[in-house]
Protein backbone atom coordinates (compact mmCIF):
# COMPACT_ATOMS: atom_id res chain seq x y z
CA MET A 1 -95.41 -32.48 -59.30
CA LYS A 2 -94.36 -35.78 -60.62
CA ASP A 3 -96.73 -38.44 -61.22
CA CYS A 4 -95.37 -41.77 -59.86
CA GLY A 5 -98.88 -44.18 -59.45
CA GLU A 6 -101.40 -44.65 -56.87
CA SER A 7 -99.75 -47.78 -55.52
CA LEU A 8 -96.21 -45.98 -55.38
CA GLY A 9 -97.72 -43.05 -53.92
CA LEU A 10 -99.29 -44.60 -50.99
CA HIS A 11 -96.24 -46.57 -50.44
CA LEU A 12 -94.10 -43.15 -50.02
CA ALA A 13 -96.64 -42.16 -47.40
CA GLU A 14 -95.78 -45.31 -45.49
CA ASP A 15 -93.43 -44.71 -41.77
CA VAL A 16 -91.31 -47.36 -43.69
CA THR A 17 -90.41 -47.99 -47.14
CA ARG A 18 -88.60 -50.48 -49.41
CA LEU A 19 -87.20 -48.21 -52.35
CA ALA A 20 -84.79 -49.10 -55.00
CA SER A 21 -83.04 -47.13 -57.69
CA LEU A 22 -83.03 -47.95 -61.17
CA TRP A 23 -80.96 -46.88 -64.05
CA ARG A 24 -82.10 -47.29 -67.76
CA VAL A 25 -79.39 -46.87 -70.24
CA THR A 26 -80.17 -46.48 -73.64
CA ARG A 27 -76.97 -46.36 -76.30
CA THR A 28 -77.43 -44.57 -79.23
CA ASP A 29 -77.29 -47.85 -81.12
CA GLY A 30 -80.86 -48.46 -79.46
CA THR A 31 -79.19 -51.01 -76.94
CA GLU A 32 -81.07 -50.55 -73.58
CA MET A 33 -79.73 -52.05 -70.04
CA GLY A 34 -80.91 -51.62 -66.47
CA PHE A 35 -79.20 -51.59 -63.20
CA THR A 36 -80.19 -51.27 -59.78
CA ASP A 37 -78.60 -50.60 -56.53
CA HIS A 38 -80.97 -53.47 -55.31
CA ASP A 39 -79.70 -56.64 -53.59
CA ARG A 40 -81.62 -58.72 -56.26
CA ASP A 41 -82.51 -58.11 -60.08
CA LEU A 42 -85.66 -56.24 -60.62
CA VAL A 43 -88.20 -56.50 -63.59
CA VAL A 44 -89.83 -53.37 -64.46
CA ASP A 45 -91.82 -52.58 -67.88
CA GLY A 46 -90.27 -55.48 -69.27
CA LEU A 47 -86.59 -54.75 -68.79
CA THR A 48 -84.38 -56.72 -66.18
CA TYR A 49 -82.28 -54.14 -63.79
CA LYS A 50 -79.33 -56.26 -62.82
CA ALA A 51 -78.49 -55.71 -59.30
CA ALA A 52 -74.95 -53.77 -59.70
CA SER A 53 -72.00 -54.74 -57.52
CA GLY A 54 -70.65 -51.52 -55.46
CA PHE A 55 -73.41 -49.33 -57.36
CA THR A 56 -73.17 -45.98 -55.52
CA PRO A 57 -75.28 -42.86 -57.00
CA THR A 58 -74.49 -39.56 -55.55
CA THR A 59 -77.32 -37.60 -53.98
CA VAL A 60 -80.13 -36.01 -56.90
CA ALA A 61 -80.58 -32.43 -56.13
CA SER A 62 -83.16 -30.25 -58.22
CA SER A 63 -82.98 -26.71 -58.49
CA SER A 64 -85.46 -23.96 -59.91
CA GLY A 65 -83.12 -21.73 -61.70
CA MET A 66 -81.18 -22.93 -64.91
CA SER A 67 -78.11 -24.14 -63.22
CA VAL A 68 -77.11 -27.83 -64.49
CA ASP A 69 -78.05 -30.58 -62.28
CA ASN A 70 -75.67 -33.05 -62.76
CA LEU A 71 -75.34 -36.62 -61.05
CA ASP A 72 -72.57 -39.07 -60.55
CA ILE A 73 -72.64 -43.09 -60.29
CA GLN A 74 -69.93 -44.98 -59.01
CA SER A 75 -69.64 -48.60 -59.79
CA VAL A 76 -67.66 -51.97 -60.57
CA LEU A 77 -66.45 -52.63 -64.27
CA ASP A 78 -68.41 -55.61 -65.16
CA SER A 79 -67.26 -57.59 -68.40
CA ALA A 80 -70.45 -59.33 -68.89
CA ASP A 81 -72.43 -55.92 -69.20
CA ILE A 82 -70.16 -52.62 -68.92
CA SER A 83 -66.59 -53.07 -69.87
CA GLU A 84 -63.67 -50.89 -70.00
CA ALA A 85 -63.33 -51.45 -73.90
CA ASP A 86 -66.29 -50.16 -74.64
CA LEU A 87 -65.83 -47.38 -72.10
CA ARG A 88 -62.95 -46.51 -73.82
CA ALA A 89 -64.21 -47.17 -77.17
CA GLY A 90 -67.28 -44.62 -76.94
CA VAL A 91 -70.09 -47.45 -76.97
CA TYR A 92 -71.77 -45.52 -74.23
CA ASP A 93 -71.03 -41.76 -75.59
CA TYR A 94 -73.96 -39.49 -75.58
CA ALA A 95 -76.16 -42.42 -74.06
CA THR A 96 -79.57 -41.40 -72.63
CA ILE A 97 -79.81 -42.13 -68.98
CA GLU A 98 -83.10 -42.32 -66.74
CA VAL A 99 -83.04 -42.68 -63.43
CA LEU A 100 -86.29 -43.79 -61.59
CA LEU A 101 -87.38 -44.90 -57.84
CA VAL A 102 -89.39 -48.02 -57.34
CA ASP A 103 -90.98 -49.92 -54.61
CA HIS A 104 -88.75 -52.92 -54.92
CA GLY A 105 -91.64 -55.56 -53.06
CA ASN A 106 -94.05 -54.28 -55.80
CA PRO A 107 -92.05 -53.34 -58.84
CA ASP A 108 -95.07 -52.96 -60.99
CA GLY A 109 -96.63 -50.56 -58.80
CA GLY A 110 -95.43 -47.45 -60.45
CA THR A 111 -92.14 -45.34 -60.96
CA LEU A 112 -91.09 -42.08 -59.82
CA TYR A 113 -88.92 -40.08 -62.42
CA LEU A 114 -85.84 -38.60 -60.68
CA ARG A 115 -83.63 -37.65 -63.68
CA LYS A 116 -83.07 -38.03 -67.36
CA GLY A 117 -80.17 -36.84 -69.28
CA THR A 118 -77.30 -37.86 -71.20
CA LEU A 119 -73.61 -39.63 -70.31
CA GLY A 120 -71.19 -37.21 -69.90
CA GLU A 121 -67.44 -37.49 -68.50
CA VAL A 122 -66.63 -41.16 -67.81
CA LYS A 123 -63.37 -41.16 -65.15
CA MET A 124 -61.79 -44.87 -64.90
CA SER A 125 -59.54 -46.03 -61.89
CA GLY A 126 -58.53 -49.65 -61.85
CA PRO A 127 -61.43 -52.11 -61.66
CA THR A 128 -64.01 -48.65 -61.07
CA PHE A 129 -65.49 -46.21 -63.01
CA VAL A 130 -67.49 -43.04 -62.30
CA ALA A 131 -69.96 -41.74 -64.99
CA GLU A 132 -71.71 -38.04 -65.03
CA LEU A 133 -75.30 -37.82 -65.93
CA ARG A 134 -75.87 -34.41 -67.52
CA GLY A 135 -79.29 -32.93 -66.83
CA MET A 136 -81.47 -31.56 -69.68
CA ALA A 137 -80.52 -28.10 -69.08
CA GLN A 138 -76.94 -28.93 -70.19
CA VAL A 139 -77.51 -27.95 -73.50
CA PHE A 140 -78.47 -24.04 -72.67
CA SER A 141 -74.49 -24.23 -71.10
CA LYS A 142 -73.11 -24.04 -74.31
CA LYS A 143 -71.73 -20.85 -75.65
CA ILE A 144 -73.19 -19.42 -79.11
CA GLY A 145 -71.32 -16.99 -81.34
CA GLN A 146 -68.17 -16.88 -82.70
CA LEU A 147 -64.84 -15.10 -81.66
CA TYR A 148 -61.59 -13.68 -83.61
CA SER A 149 -59.11 -15.97 -84.03
CA PRO A 150 -56.04 -16.46 -86.24
CA THR A 151 -56.75 -20.15 -86.82
CA CYS A 152 -59.89 -21.16 -88.85
CA ARG A 153 -63.30 -21.78 -87.09
CA ALA A 154 -64.63 -24.11 -89.55
CA ASP A 155 -64.21 -27.97 -89.63
CA LEU A 156 -62.47 -29.75 -92.36
CA GLY A 157 -65.03 -30.63 -94.68
CA ASP A 158 -68.22 -28.88 -93.26
CA ASP A 159 -70.47 -26.38 -94.99
CA ARG A 160 -68.27 -23.71 -94.13
CA CYS A 161 -65.20 -25.34 -95.43
CA GLY A 162 -66.67 -26.88 -98.80
CA ILE A 163 -63.81 -29.42 -98.98
CA ASP A 164 -65.38 -32.61 -100.37
CA LEU A 165 -63.71 -35.22 -98.01
CA THR A 166 -64.00 -38.00 -100.39
CA ALA A 167 -61.60 -36.54 -102.44
CA ILE A 168 -58.81 -36.18 -99.76
CA SER A 169 -59.62 -39.58 -98.01
CA VAL A 170 -57.52 -42.89 -98.69
CA LYS A 171 -58.39 -46.31 -97.70
CA GLY A 172 -55.50 -49.01 -96.81
CA VAL A 173 -54.67 -51.81 -95.02
CA VAL A 174 -52.31 -52.25 -91.75
CA GLN A 175 -49.17 -54.14 -92.44
CA THR A 176 -47.22 -53.69 -89.09
CA VAL A 177 -48.40 -53.14 -85.98
CA HIS A 178 -46.01 -51.28 -83.24
CA SER A 179 -48.58 -50.61 -80.57
CA GLN A 180 -52.14 -50.05 -79.61
CA ARG A 181 -51.62 -46.50 -81.21
CA SER A 182 -49.02 -47.01 -84.11
CA PHE A 183 -48.47 -48.94 -87.22
CA THR A 184 -47.63 -48.96 -90.67
CA ASP A 185 -48.86 -49.06 -94.34
CA PRO A 186 -46.00 -48.85 -96.65
CA ALA A 187 -48.64 -48.39 -99.65
CA ARG A 188 -48.95 -44.78 -98.07
CA ILE A 189 -46.64 -42.91 -99.89
CA GLN A 190 -47.92 -39.58 -99.30
CA LEU A 191 -45.63 -36.34 -97.93
CA ASP A 192 -44.23 -36.64 -94.30
CA GLY A 193 -47.01 -34.95 -92.20
CA TRP A 194 -49.90 -35.29 -94.93
CA PHE A 195 -52.12 -37.06 -92.33
CA ARG A 196 -51.24 -35.12 -89.58
CA ASN A 197 -54.54 -34.02 -87.68
CA GLY A 198 -56.52 -36.17 -90.10
CA LEU A 199 -59.34 -38.45 -88.76
CA LEU A 200 -58.71 -42.27 -89.31
CA SER A 201 -61.73 -44.59 -89.29
CA TRP A 202 -61.33 -48.29 -88.83
CA THR A 203 -63.43 -49.77 -91.49
CA SER A 204 -62.74 -53.88 -90.39
CA GLY A 205 -60.82 -55.58 -87.40
CA ALA A 206 -61.59 -55.36 -83.96
CA ASN A 207 -61.96 -51.63 -84.12
CA ALA A 208 -64.41 -51.20 -87.17
CA GLY A 209 -66.71 -48.39 -86.29
CA LEU A 210 -64.45 -46.33 -84.54
CA CYS A 211 -62.48 -43.69 -84.93
CA MET A 212 -59.21 -41.57 -83.88
CA GLU A 213 -57.13 -38.58 -84.65
CA VAL A 214 -53.83 -39.06 -86.36
CA ARG A 215 -50.78 -37.53 -84.23
CA SER A 216 -48.04 -37.74 -87.08
CA PHE A 217 -47.65 -39.36 -90.21
CA ALA A 218 -44.00 -40.10 -91.76
CA ASP A 219 -42.72 -42.88 -94.20
CA GLY A 220 -45.95 -44.55 -93.93
CA ARG A 221 -46.09 -44.82 -90.23
CA PHE A 222 -49.28 -43.52 -88.47
CA GLU A 223 -49.47 -42.71 -84.73
CA LEU A 224 -52.45 -41.81 -83.11
CA PHE A 225 -53.20 -39.20 -80.56
CA LEU A 226 -54.73 -42.29 -78.29
CA PRO A 227 -54.24 -45.88 -78.00
CA MET A 228 -57.22 -47.78 -79.60
CA ALA A 229 -59.38 -49.40 -77.28
CA ARG A 230 -59.22 -52.78 -78.89
CA THR A 231 -56.21 -54.51 -80.37
CA ILE A 232 -54.82 -53.51 -83.90
CA ALA A 233 -54.05 -56.18 -86.18
CA PRO A 234 -52.33 -56.71 -89.40
CA GLY A 235 -55.06 -56.98 -92.11
CA ASP A 236 -57.41 -54.38 -90.71
CA GLY A 237 -58.81 -51.83 -93.04
CA TYR A 238 -58.79 -48.36 -92.17
CA GLU A 239 -59.54 -45.01 -94.31
CA VAL A 240 -57.94 -41.84 -93.40
CA GLN A 241 -58.30 -38.04 -94.39
CA ALA A 242 -55.78 -35.27 -94.95
CA GLY A 243 -54.80 -33.12 -91.79
CA CYS A 244 -55.55 -29.91 -91.33
CA ASN A 245 -53.92 -27.72 -88.32
CA LYS A 246 -56.33 -24.80 -89.33
CA LEU A 247 -53.66 -22.59 -90.75
CA ILE A 248 -54.11 -20.17 -93.29
CA THR A 249 -50.86 -21.18 -95.05
CA THR A 250 -51.97 -24.71 -95.08
CA CYS A 251 -55.47 -23.97 -96.24
CA ARG A 252 -53.71 -22.20 -99.15
CA ASP A 253 -51.19 -24.13 -100.05
CA LYS A 254 -52.59 -27.86 -99.13
CA PHE A 255 -56.19 -27.27 -100.05
CA ALA A 256 -56.27 -24.37 -102.22
CA ASN A 257 -59.44 -23.00 -100.23
CA ALA A 258 -58.17 -19.94 -98.85
CA ALA A 259 -61.15 -18.31 -99.81
CA ALA A 260 -63.18 -20.40 -97.60
CA PHE A 261 -60.94 -19.76 -94.54
CA ARG A 262 -63.00 -18.98 -91.45
CA GLY A 263 -60.55 -17.12 -89.50
CA GLU A 264 -58.69 -13.93 -89.09
CA PRO A 265 -55.08 -14.55 -89.49
CA HIS A 266 -54.08 -10.78 -89.72
CA VAL A 267 -55.57 -9.54 -86.84
CA PRO A 268 -53.14 -8.65 -84.20
CA GLY A 269 -52.63 -10.51 -80.97
CA ASN A 270 -51.53 -9.78 -77.57
CA ASP A 271 -47.92 -9.88 -78.34
CA PHE A 272 -48.66 -6.66 -80.63
CA LEU A 273 -51.10 -5.31 -77.73
CA THR A 274 -47.93 -5.76 -75.06
CA ARG A 275 -45.34 -4.74 -77.31
CA GLY A 276 -43.50 -1.52 -76.14
CA ALA A 277 -42.49 1.48 -77.95
CA GLY A 278 -40.07 0.96 -80.67
CA GLY A 279 -40.49 -3.02 -80.49
């Protein structure tokens, strides 16, 4: 049984109710935002829940089992609050979402908590977006354990890998911008492909604090896997790590770290299992 306060409890027992849904968003940087499907702003516990145009949540349903209870919300992008650039930049990644119910005629009369979770997949189409709220049972759906693989299961620089990331990272400055995902820094004279699959972090400019993986590198020109959410400009600073494709040859020849390789490159694959006699 959920506690919603005496005043709201009495109101819920009435034949006609005045209920409004509230969404409280707490980003990982501590910023709190509130939204409601009511036609006017509501203030609850000192936080203003803004009336969101086009705010359409799906039905909230709970189960007694361990199945993941996900909830979607559809709304219109509002540049004053939630912008497309911020969504693409990952500002709202892993944000905590709380869904509440209040009597909009007496918002201080108590709240009924319907759901709490984290922001999951966000889909954008034109001026609208659909955000997925992943319930607290989501963490129990993760697979635990390791599987045989010809490629390395460690991430470059983690405890299993042991590589010192500071030793394989360099800093630079953008000189020429080709697109939102491509730029050139002639000071980067490393071998072609050296930074492929590496992580590039922006240290200054509009994208400061954001990261993106490198798709290709040749003759000082970087191409990222996805366009940056904000404009890249000459003079923007970055830091980039050497890339690893998780192959034993790369681990041995590029990083001299084959002893820490976390894969099974010599285990026969499906081609061996399906090969006919004398193949």
